[in-house]
Amino acid sequence: MLRATPRWTRRLRRNLTARAIAGS
């Protein structure tokens, strides 16, 4: 239950944030 966050989640979060900013 305490595993470190996988690397791809950081990249996914960055990409989704960038998409939201670009769209807005």
mmCIF file of all heavy atoms, coordinates in Angstrom:
data_MODEL
# 
_entry.id   MODEL 
# 
loop_
_atom_site.group_PDB 
_atom_site.id 
_atom_site.type_symbol 
_atom_site.label_atom_id 
_atom_site.label_alt_id 
_atom_site.label_comp_id 
_atom_site.label_asym_id 
_atom_site.label_entity_id 
_atom_site.label_seq_id 
_atom_site.pdbx_PDB_ins_code 
_atom_site.Cartn_x 
_atom_site.Cartn_y 
_atom_site.Cartn_z 
_atom_site.occupancy 
_atom_site.B_iso_or_equiv 
_atom_site.pdbx_formal_charge 
_atom_site.auth_seq_id 
_atom_site.auth_comp_id 
_atom_site.auth_asym_id 
_atom_site.auth_atom_id 
_atom_site.pdbx_PDB_model_num 
ATOM 1   N N   . MET A 1 1  ? 0.820  -1.214 0.000   1.00 0.00 ? 1  MET A N   1 
ATOM 2   C CA  . MET A 1 1  ? 0.000  0.000  0.000   1.00 0.00 ? 1  MET A CA  1 
ATOM 3   C C   . MET A 1 1  ? 0.855  1.266  0.000   1.00 0.00 ? 1  MET A C   1 
ATOM 4   O O   . MET A 1 1  ? 0.348  2.345  -0.267  1.00 0.00 ? 1  MET A O   1 
ATOM 5   C CB  . MET A 1 1  ? -0.916 0.014  1.222   1.00 0.00 ? 1  MET A CB  1 
ATOM 6   C CG  . MET A 1 1  ? -1.935 -1.060 1.234   1.00 0.00 ? 1  MET A CG  1 
ATOM 7   S SD  . MET A 1 1  ? -2.895 -0.908 2.726   1.00 0.00 ? 1  MET A SD  1 
ATOM 8   C CE  . MET A 1 1  ? -4.230 -1.989 2.356   1.00 0.00 ? 1  MET A CE  1 
ATOM 9   N N   . LEU A 1 2  ? 2.122  1.146  0.292   1.00 0.00 ? 2  LEU A N   1 
ATOM 10  C CA  . LEU A 1 2  ? 3.002  2.296  0.431   1.00 0.00 ? 2  LEU A CA  1 
ATOM 11  C C   . LEU A 1 2  ? 4.027  2.402  -0.685  1.00 0.00 ? 2  LEU A C   1 
ATOM 12  O O   . LEU A 1 2  ? 5.018  3.093  -0.544  1.00 0.00 ? 2  LEU A O   1 
ATOM 13  C CB  . LEU A 1 2  ? 3.733  2.228  1.780   1.00 0.00 ? 2  LEU A CB  1 
ATOM 14  C CG  . LEU A 1 2  ? 2.842  2.187  3.007   1.00 0.00 ? 2  LEU A CG  1 
ATOM 15  C CD1 . LEU A 1 2  ? 3.686  1.973  4.252   1.00 0.00 ? 2  LEU A CD1 1 
ATOM 16  C CD2 . LEU A 1 2  ? 2.026  3.453  3.123   1.00 0.00 ? 2  LEU A CD2 1 
ATOM 17  N N   . ARG A 1 3  ? 3.788  1.747  -1.783  1.00 0.00 ? 3  ARG A N   1 
ATOM 18  C CA  . ARG A 1 3  ? 4.742  1.788  -2.896  1.00 0.00 ? 3  ARG A CA  1 
ATOM 19  C C   . ARG A 1 3  ? 4.932  3.207  -3.410  1.00 0.00 ? 3  ARG A C   1 
ATOM 20  O O   . ARG A 1 3  ? 4.028  4.027  -3.370  1.00 0.00 ? 3  ARG A O   1 
ATOM 21  C CB  . ARG A 1 3  ? 4.240  0.921  -4.042  1.00 0.00 ? 3  ARG A CB  1 
ATOM 22  C CG  . ARG A 1 3  ? 4.556  -0.530 -3.827  1.00 0.00 ? 3  ARG A CG  1 
ATOM 23  C CD  . ARG A 1 3  ? 4.198  -1.299 -5.054  1.00 0.00 ? 3  ARG A CD  1 
ATOM 24  N NE  . ARG A 1 3  ? 2.880  -1.867 -4.780  1.00 0.00 ? 3  ARG A NE  1 
ATOM 25  C CZ  . ARG A 1 3  ? 2.070  -2.359 -5.671  1.00 0.00 ? 3  ARG A CZ  1 
ATOM 26  N NH1 . ARG A 1 3  ? 2.390  -2.348 -6.932  1.00 0.00 ? 3  ARG A NH1 1 
ATOM 27  N NH2 . ARG A 1 3  ? 0.929  -2.872 -5.335  1.00 0.00 ? 3  ARG A NH2 1 
ATOM 28  N N   . ALA A 1 4  ? 6.113  3.442  -3.924  1.00 0.00 ? 4  ALA A N   1 
ATOM 29  C CA  . ALA A 1 4  ? 6.408  4.743  -4.529  1.00 0.00 ? 4  ALA A CA  1 
ATOM 30  C C   . ALA A 1 4  ? 5.551  4.930  -5.780  1.00 0.00 ? 4  ALA A C   1 
ATOM 31  O O   . ALA A 1 4  ? 5.180  3.961  -6.441  1.00 0.00 ? 4  ALA A O   1 
ATOM 32  C CB  . ALA A 1 4  ? 7.881  4.825  -4.893  1.00 0.00 ? 4  ALA A CB  1 
ATOM 33  N N   . THR A 1 5  ? 5.242  6.168  -6.079  1.00 0.00 ? 5  THR A N   1 
ATOM 34  C CA  . THR A 1 5  ? 4.460  6.487  -7.267  1.00 0.00 ? 5  THR A CA  1 
ATOM 35  C C   . THR A 1 5  ? 5.243  6.102  -8.515  1.00 0.00 ? 5  THR A C   1 
ATOM 36  O O   . THR A 1 5  ? 6.395  6.494  -8.657  1.00 0.00 ? 5  THR A O   1 
ATOM 37  C CB  . THR A 1 5  ? 4.150  7.997  -7.306  1.00 0.00 ? 5  THR A CB  1 
ATOM 38  O OG1 . THR A 1 5  ? 3.546  8.358  -6.077  1.00 0.00 ? 5  THR A OG1 1 
ATOM 39  C CG2 . THR A 1 5  ? 3.222  8.340  -8.451  1.00 0.00 ? 5  THR A CG2 1 
ATOM 40  N N   . PRO A 1 6  ? 4.625  5.355  -9.421  1.00 0.00 ? 6  PRO A N   1 
ATOM 41  C CA  . PRO A 1 6  ? 5.332  5.001  -10.660 1.00 0.00 ? 6  PRO A CA  1 
ATOM 42  C C   . PRO A 1 6  ? 5.713  6.242  -11.465 1.00 0.00 ? 6  PRO A C   1 
ATOM 43  O O   . PRO A 1 6  ? 5.043  7.271  -11.399 1.00 0.00 ? 6  PRO A O   1 
ATOM 44  C CB  . PRO A 1 6  ? 4.305  4.163  -11.427 1.00 0.00 ? 6  PRO A CB  1 
ATOM 45  C CG  . PRO A 1 6  ? 3.308  3.724  -10.418 1.00 0.00 ? 6  PRO A CG  1 
ATOM 46  C CD  . PRO A 1 6  ? 3.311  4.768  -9.347  1.00 0.00 ? 6  PRO A CD  1 
ATOM 47  N N   . ARG A 1 7  ? 6.789  6.132  -12.242 1.00 0.00 ? 7  ARG A N   1 
ATOM 48  C CA  . ARG A 1 7  ? 7.275  7.265  -13.029 1.00 0.00 ? 7  ARG A CA  1 
ATOM 49  C C   . ARG A 1 7  ? 6.237  7.794  -13.996 1.00 0.00 ? 7  ARG A C   1 
ATOM 50  O O   . ARG A 1 7  ? 6.144  8.980  -14.224 1.00 0.00 ? 7  ARG A O   1 
ATOM 51  C CB  . ARG A 1 7  ? 8.502  6.858  -13.825 1.00 0.00 ? 7  ARG A CB  1 
ATOM 52  C CG  . ARG A 1 7  ? 9.730  6.765  -13.037 1.00 0.00 ? 7  ARG A CG  1 
ATOM 53  C CD  . ARG A 1 7  ? 10.891 6.492  -13.954 1.00 0.00 ? 7  ARG A CD  1 
ATOM 54  N NE  . ARG A 1 7  ? 12.084 6.272  -13.181 1.00 0.00 ? 7  ARG A NE  1 
ATOM 55  C CZ  . ARG A 1 7  ? 13.195 5.836  -13.681 1.00 0.00 ? 7  ARG A CZ  1 
ATOM 56  N NH1 . ARG A 1 7  ? 13.278 5.562  -14.955 1.00 0.00 ? 7  ARG A NH1 1 
ATOM 57  N NH2 . ARG A 1 7  ? 14.238 5.662  -12.920 1.00 0.00 ? 7  ARG A NH2 1 
ATOM 58  N N   . TRP A 1 8  ? 5.455  6.892  -14.591 1.00 0.00 ? 8  TRP A N   1 
ATOM 59  C CA  . TRP A 1 8  ? 4.529  7.340  -15.624 1.00 0.00 ? 8  TRP A CA  1 
ATOM 60  C C   . TRP A 1 8  ? 3.432  8.233  -15.065 1.00 0.00 ? 8  TRP A C   1 
ATOM 61  O O   . TRP A 1 8  ? 2.859  9.024  -15.800 1.00 0.00 ? 8  TRP A O   1 
ATOM 62  C CB  . TRP A 1 8  ? 3.934  6.159  -16.383 1.00 0.00 ? 8  TRP A CB  1 
ATOM 63  C CG  . TRP A 1 8  ? 3.134  5.220  -15.530 1.00 0.00 ? 8  TRP A CG  1 
ATOM 64  C CD1 . TRP A 1 8  ? 3.573  4.110  -14.895 1.00 0.00 ? 8  TRP A CD1 1 
ATOM 65  C CD2 . TRP A 1 8  ? 1.738  5.330  -15.232 1.00 0.00 ? 8  TRP A CD2 1 
ATOM 66  N NE1 . TRP A 1 8  ? 2.552  3.517  -14.207 1.00 0.00 ? 8  TRP A NE1 1 
ATOM 67  C CE2 . TRP A 1 8  ? 1.409  4.246  -14.399 1.00 0.00 ? 8  TRP A CE2 1 
ATOM 68  C CE3 . TRP A 1 8  ? 0.744  6.231  -15.585 1.00 0.00 ? 8  TRP A CE3 1 
ATOM 69  C CZ2 . TRP A 1 8  ? 0.129  4.037  -13.924 1.00 0.00 ? 8  TRP A CZ2 1 
ATOM 70  C CZ3 . TRP A 1 8  ? -0.540 6.027  -15.099 1.00 0.00 ? 8  TRP A CZ3 1 
ATOM 71  C CH2 . TRP A 1 8  ? -0.837 4.942  -14.281 1.00 0.00 ? 8  TRP A CH2 1 
ATOM 72  N N   . THR A 1 9  ? 3.142  8.177  -13.767 1.00 0.00 ? 9  THR A N   1 
ATOM 73  C CA  . THR A 1 9  ? 2.082  9.030  -13.230 1.00 0.00 ? 9  THR A CA  1 
ATOM 74  C C   . THR A 1 9  ? 2.498  10.500 -13.230 1.00 0.00 ? 9  THR A C   1 
ATOM 75  O O   . THR A 1 9  ? 1.673  11.372 -13.448 1.00 0.00 ? 9  THR A O   1 
ATOM 76  C CB  . THR A 1 9  ? 1.657  8.599  -11.817 1.00 0.00 ? 9  THR A CB  1 
ATOM 77  O OG1 . THR A 1 9  ? 2.782  8.603  -10.954 1.00 0.00 ? 9  THR A OG1 1 
ATOM 78  C CG2 . THR A 1 9  ? 1.028  7.221  -11.830 1.00 0.00 ? 9  THR A CG2 1 
ATOM 79  N N   . ARG A 1 10 ? 3.799  10.760 -12.993 1.00 0.00 ? 10 ARG A N   1 
ATOM 80  C CA  . ARG A 1 10 ? 4.265  12.148 -13.058 1.00 0.00 ? 10 ARG A CA  1 
ATOM 81  C C   . ARG A 1 10 ? 4.143  12.695 -14.472 1.00 0.00 ? 10 ARG A C   1 
ATOM 82  O O   . ARG A 1 10 ? 3.711  13.816 -14.684 1.00 0.00 ? 10 ARG A O   1 
ATOM 83  C CB  . ARG A 1 10 ? 5.717  12.246 -12.594 1.00 0.00 ? 10 ARG A CB  1 
ATOM 84  C CG  . ARG A 1 10 ? 5.826  12.437 -11.103 1.00 0.00 ? 10 ARG A CG  1 
ATOM 85  C CD  . ARG A 1 10 ? 7.245  12.742 -10.715 1.00 0.00 ? 10 ARG A CD  1 
ATOM 86  N NE  . ARG A 1 10 ? 7.770  11.492 -10.188 1.00 0.00 ? 10 ARG A NE  1 
ATOM 87  C CZ  . ARG A 1 10 ? 9.015  11.092 -10.276 1.00 0.00 ? 10 ARG A CZ  1 
ATOM 88  N NH1 . ARG A 1 10 ? 9.891  11.841 -10.886 1.00 0.00 ? 10 ARG A NH1 1 
ATOM 89  N NH2 . ARG A 1 10 ? 9.394  9.952  -9.775  1.00 0.00 ? 10 ARG A NH2 1 
ATOM 90  N N   . ARG A 1 11 ? 4.539  11.875 -15.438 1.00 0.00 ? 11 ARG A N   1 
ATOM 91  C CA  . ARG A 1 11 ? 4.460  12.302 -16.842 1.00 0.00 ? 11 ARG A CA  1 
ATOM 92  C C   . ARG A 1 11 ? 3.007  12.485 -17.267 1.00 0.00 ? 11 ARG A C   1 
ATOM 93  O O   . ARG A 1 11 ? 2.678  13.435 -17.964 1.00 0.00 ? 11 ARG A O   1 
ATOM 94  C CB  . ARG A 1 11 ? 5.153  11.282 -17.731 1.00 0.00 ? 11 ARG A CB  1 
ATOM 95  C CG  . ARG A 1 11 ? 5.116  11.662 -19.178 1.00 0.00 ? 11 ARG A CG  1 
ATOM 96  C CD  . ARG A 1 11 ? 6.393  11.242 -19.867 1.00 0.00 ? 11 ARG A CD  1 
ATOM 97  N NE  . ARG A 1 11 ? 6.388  11.580 -21.257 1.00 0.00 ? 11 ARG A NE  1 
ATOM 98  C CZ  . ARG A 1 11 ? 6.783  12.744 -21.747 1.00 0.00 ? 11 ARG A CZ  1 
ATOM 99  N NH1 . ARG A 1 11 ? 7.224  13.674 -20.933 1.00 0.00 ? 11 ARG A NH1 1 
ATOM 100 N NH2 . ARG A 1 11 ? 6.754  12.982 -23.035 1.00 0.00 ? 11 ARG A NH2 1 
ATOM 101 N N   . LEU A 1 12 ? 2.140  11.585 -16.821 1.00 0.00 ? 12 LEU A N   1 
ATOM 102 C CA  . LEU A 1 12 ? 0.723  11.699 -17.138 1.00 0.00 ? 12 LEU A CA  1 
ATOM 103 C C   . LEU A 1 12 ? 0.132  12.969 -16.530 1.00 0.00 ? 12 LEU A C   1 
ATOM 104 O O   . LEU A 1 12 ? -0.597 13.707 -17.194 1.00 0.00 ? 12 LEU A O   1 
ATOM 105 C CB  . LEU A 1 12 ? -0.040 10.471 -16.637 1.00 0.00 ? 12 LEU A CB  1 
ATOM 106 C CG  . LEU A 1 12 ? -1.547 10.487 -16.833 1.00 0.00 ? 12 LEU A CG  1 
ATOM 107 C CD1 . LEU A 1 12 ? -1.895 10.522 -18.322 1.00 0.00 ? 12 LEU A CD1 1 
ATOM 108 C CD2 . LEU A 1 12 ? -2.175 9.268  -16.164 1.00 0.00 ? 12 LEU A CD2 1 
ATOM 109 N N   . ARG A 1 13 ? 0.466  13.241 -15.285 1.00 0.00 ? 13 ARG A N   1 
ATOM 110 C CA  . ARG A 1 13 ? -0.048 14.445 -14.633 1.00 0.00 ? 13 ARG A CA  1 
ATOM 111 C C   . ARG A 1 13 ? 0.430  15.704 -15.345 1.00 0.00 ? 13 ARG A C   1 
ATOM 112 O O   . ARG A 1 13 ? -0.331 16.643 -15.576 1.00 0.00 ? 13 ARG A O   1 
ATOM 113 C CB  . ARG A 1 13 ? 0.385  14.482 -13.166 1.00 0.00 ? 13 ARG A CB  1 
ATOM 114 C CG  . ARG A 1 13 ? -0.236 15.652 -12.414 1.00 0.00 ? 13 ARG A CG  1 
ATOM 115 C CD  . ARG A 1 13 ? 0.112  15.622 -10.980 1.00 0.00 ? 13 ARG A CD  1 
ATOM 116 N NE  . ARG A 1 13 ? 1.490  16.083 -10.847 1.00 0.00 ? 13 ARG A NE  1 
ATOM 117 C CZ  . ARG A 1 13 ? 2.123  16.179 -9.703  1.00 0.00 ? 13 ARG A CZ  1 
ATOM 118 N NH1 . ARG A 1 13 ? 1.548  15.820 -8.588  1.00 0.00 ? 13 ARG A NH1 1 
ATOM 119 N NH2 . ARG A 1 13 ? 3.360  16.620 -9.653  1.00 0.00 ? 13 ARG A NH2 1 
ATOM 120 N N   . ARG A 1 14 ? 1.713  15.733 -15.734 1.00 0.00 ? 14 ARG A N   1 
ATOM 121 C CA  . ARG A 1 14 ? 2.252  16.884 -16.452 1.00 0.00 ? 14 ARG A CA  1 
ATOM 122 C C   . ARG A 1 14 ? 1.543  17.072 -17.789 1.00 0.00 ? 14 ARG A C   1 
ATOM 123 O O   . ARG A 1 14 ? 1.179  18.188 -18.155 1.00 0.00 ? 14 ARG A O   1 
ATOM 124 C CB  . ARG A 1 14 ? 3.755  16.722 -16.658 1.00 0.00 ? 14 ARG A CB  1 
ATOM 125 C CG  . ARG A 1 14 ? 4.381  17.921 -17.360 1.00 0.00 ? 14 ARG A CG  1 
ATOM 126 C CD  . ARG A 1 14 ? 5.876  17.824 -17.498 1.00 0.00 ? 14 ARG A CD  1 
ATOM 127 N NE  . ARG A 1 14 ? 6.244  16.653 -18.264 1.00 0.00 ? 14 ARG A NE  1 
ATOM 128 C CZ  . ARG A 1 14 ? 7.257  15.855 -17.967 1.00 0.00 ? 14 ARG A CZ  1 
ATOM 129 N NH1 . ARG A 1 14 ? 8.003  16.082 -16.932 1.00 0.00 ? 14 ARG A NH1 1 
ATOM 130 N NH2 . ARG A 1 14 ? 7.536  14.825 -18.726 1.00 0.00 ? 14 ARG A NH2 1 
ATOM 131 N N   . ASN A 1 15 ? 1.322  15.975 -18.523 1.00 0.00 ? 15 ASN A N   1 
ATOM 132 C CA  . ASN A 1 15 ? 0.667  16.067 -19.819 1.00 0.00 ? 15 ASN A CA  1 
ATOM 133 C C   . ASN A 1 15 ? -0.784 16.520 -19.677 1.00 0.00 ? 15 ASN A C   1 
ATOM 134 O O   . ASN A 1 15 ? -1.244 17.369 -20.443 1.00 0.00 ? 15 ASN A O   1 
ATOM 135 C CB  . ASN A 1 15 ? 0.733  14.728 -20.552 1.00 0.00 ? 15 ASN A CB  1 
ATOM 136 C CG  . ASN A 1 15 ? 0.158  14.820 -21.935 1.00 0.00 ? 15 ASN A CG  1 
ATOM 137 O OD1 . ASN A 1 15 ? -1.030 14.554 -22.116 1.00 0.00 ? 15 ASN A OD1 1 
ATOM 138 N ND2 . ASN A 1 15 ? 0.975  15.198 -22.903 1.00 0.00 ? 15 ASN A ND2 1 
ATOM 139 N N   . LEU A 1 16 ? -1.501 15.985 -18.705 1.00 0.00 ? 16 LEU A N   1 
ATOM 140 C CA  . LEU A 1 16 ? -2.897 16.386 -18.511 1.00 0.00 ? 16 LEU A CA  1 
ATOM 141 C C   . LEU A 1 16 ? -3.002 17.847 -18.072 1.00 0.00 ? 16 LEU A C   1 
ATOM 142 O O   . LEU A 1 16 ? -3.910 18.568 -18.499 1.00 0.00 ? 16 LEU A O   1 
ATOM 143 C CB  . LEU A 1 16 ? -3.576 15.476 -17.491 1.00 0.00 ? 16 LEU A CB  1 
ATOM 144 C CG  . LEU A 1 16 ? -3.808 14.039 -17.944 1.00 0.00 ? 16 LEU A CG  1 
ATOM 145 C CD1 . LEU A 1 16 ? -4.363 13.206 -16.795 1.00 0.00 ? 16 LEU A CD1 1 
ATOM 146 C CD2 . LEU A 1 16 ? -4.720 13.980 -19.152 1.00 0.00 ? 16 LEU A CD2 1 
ATOM 147 N N   . THR A 1 17 ? -2.065 18.295 -17.244 1.00 0.00 ? 17 THR A N   1 
ATOM 148 C CA  . THR A 1 17 ? -2.050 19.699 -16.841 1.00 0.00 ? 17 THR A CA  1 
ATOM 149 C C   . THR A 1 17 ? -1.769 20.595 -18.040 1.00 0.00 ? 17 THR A C   1 
ATOM 150 O O   . THR A 1 17 ? -2.421 21.625 -18.227 1.00 0.00 ? 17 THR A O   1 
ATOM 151 C CB  . THR A 1 17 ? -0.998 19.934 -15.739 1.00 0.00 ? 17 THR A CB  1 
ATOM 152 O OG1 . THR A 1 17 ? -1.302 19.091 -14.625 1.00 0.00 ? 17 THR A OG1 1 
ATOM 153 C CG2 . THR A 1 17 ? -0.984 21.373 -15.289 1.00 0.00 ? 17 THR A CG2 1 
ATOM 154 N N   . ALA A 1 18 ? -0.806 20.194 -18.882 1.00 0.00 ? 18 ALA A N   1 
ATOM 155 C CA  . ALA A 1 18 ? -0.485 20.977 -20.082 1.00 0.00 ? 18 ALA A CA  1 
ATOM 156 C C   . ALA A 1 18 ? -1.687 21.036 -21.023 1.00 0.00 ? 18 ALA A C   1 
ATOM 157 O O   . ALA A 1 18 ? -1.969 22.087 -21.608 1.00 0.00 ? 18 ALA A O   1 
ATOM 158 C CB  . ALA A 1 18 ? 0.720  20.373 -20.797 1.00 0.00 ? 18 ALA A CB  1 
ATOM 159 N N   . ARG A 1 19 ? -2.403 19.938 -21.177 1.00 0.00 ? 19 ARG A N   1 
ATOM 160 C CA  . ARG A 1 19 ? -3.598 19.929 -22.029 1.00 0.00 ? 19 ARG A CA  1 
ATOM 161 C C   . ARG A 1 19 ? -4.672 20.871 -21.480 1.00 0.00 ? 19 ARG A C   1 
ATOM 162 O O   . ARG A 1 19 ? -5.325 21.588 -22.229 1.00 0.00 ? 19 ARG A O   1 
ATOM 163 C CB  . ARG A 1 19 ? -4.152 18.521 -22.155 1.00 0.00 ? 19 ARG A CB  1 
ATOM 164 C CG  . ARG A 1 19 ? -3.339 17.631 -23.043 1.00 0.00 ? 19 ARG A CG  1 
ATOM 165 C CD  . ARG A 1 19 ? -3.935 16.219 -23.105 1.00 0.00 ? 19 ARG A CD  1 
ATOM 166 N NE  . ARG A 1 19 ? -3.106 15.357 -23.887 1.00 0.00 ? 19 ARG A NE  1 
ATOM 167 C CZ  . ARG A 1 19 ? -3.165 15.262 -25.211 1.00 0.00 ? 19 ARG A CZ  1 
ATOM 168 N NH1 . ARG A 1 19 ? -4.038 15.974 -25.882 1.00 0.00 ? 19 ARG A NH1 1 
ATOM 169 N NH2 . ARG A 1 19 ? -2.353 14.454 -25.855 1.00 0.00 ? 19 ARG A NH2 1 
ATOM 170 N N   . ALA A 1 20 ? -4.840 20.864 -20.168 1.00 0.00 ? 20 ALA A N   1 
ATOM 171 C CA  . ALA A 1 20 ? -5.836 21.744 -19.558 1.00 0.00 ? 20 ALA A CA  1 
ATOM 172 C C   . ALA A 1 20 ? -5.459 23.212 -19.753 1.00 0.00 ? 20 ALA A C   1 
ATOM 173 O O   . ALA A 1 20 ? -6.316 24.047 -20.074 1.00 0.00 ? 20 ALA A O   1 
ATOM 174 C CB  . ALA A 1 20 ? -5.980 21.421 -18.068 1.00 0.00 ? 20 ALA A CB  1 
ATOM 175 N N   . ILE A 1 21 ? -4.187 23.539 -19.579 1.00 0.00 ? 21 ILE A N   1 
ATOM 176 C CA  . ILE A 1 21 ? -3.723 24.912 -19.760 1.00 0.00 ? 21 ILE A CA  1 
ATOM 177 C C   . ILE A 1 21 ? -3.879 25.335 -21.208 1.00 0.00 ? 21 ILE A C   1 
ATOM 178 O O   . ILE A 1 21 ? -4.373 26.427 -21.499 1.00 0.00 ? 21 ILE A O   1 
ATOM 179 C CB  . ILE A 1 21 ? -2.257 25.062 -19.299 1.00 0.00 ? 21 ILE A CB  1 
ATOM 180 C CG1 . ILE A 1 21 ? -2.173 24.896 -17.780 1.00 0.00 ? 21 ILE A CG1 1 
ATOM 181 C CG2 . ILE A 1 21 ? -1.678 26.397 -19.727 1.00 0.00 ? 21 ILE A CG2 1 
ATOM 182 C CD1 . ILE A 1 21 ? -0.752 24.789 -17.260 1.00 0.00 ? 21 ILE A CD1 1 
ATOM 183 N N   . ALA A 1 22 ? -3.469 24.467 -22.133 1.00 0.00 ? 22 ALA A N   1 
ATOM 184 C CA  . ALA A 1 22 ? -3.590 24.792 -23.567 1.00 0.00 ? 22 ALA A CA  1 
ATOM 185 C C   . ALA A 1 22 ? -5.052 24.991 -23.942 1.00 0.00 ? 22 ALA A C   1 
ATOM 186 O O   . ALA A 1 22 ? -5.397 25.951 -24.647 1.00 0.00 ? 22 ALA A O   1 
ATOM 187 C CB  . ALA A 1 22 ? -2.965 23.682 -24.415 1.00 0.00 ? 22 ALA A CB  1 
ATOM 188 N N   . GLY A 1 23 ? -5.919 24.124 -23.481 1.00 0.00 ? 23 GLY A N   1 
ATOM 189 C CA  . GLY A 1 23 ? -7.338 24.247 -23.799 1.00 0.00 ? 23 GLY A CA  1 
ATOM 190 C C   . GLY A 1 23 ? -7.962 25.498 -23.225 1.00 0.00 ? 23 GLY A C   1 
ATOM 191 O O   . GLY A 1 23 ? -8.732 26.193 -23.895 1.00 0.00 ? 23 GLY A O   1 
ATOM 192 N N   . SER A 1 24 ? -7.640 25.805 -21.987 1.00 0.00 ? 24 SER A N   1 
ATOM 193 C CA  . SER A 1 24 ? -8.186 26.988 -21.338 1.00 0.00 ? 24 SER A CA  1 
ATOM 194 C C   . SER A 1 24 ? -7.733 28.268 -22.037 1.00 0.00 ? 24 SER A C   1 
ATOM 195 O O   . SER A 1 24 ? -8.528 29.177 -22.269 1.00 0.00 ? 24 SER A O   1 
ATOM 196 C CB  . SER A 1 24 ? -7.765 27.015 -19.871 1.00 0.00 ? 24 SER A CB  1 
ATOM 197 O OG  . SER A 1 24 ? -8.243 28.178 -19.236 1.00 0.00 ? 24 SER A OG  1 
# 
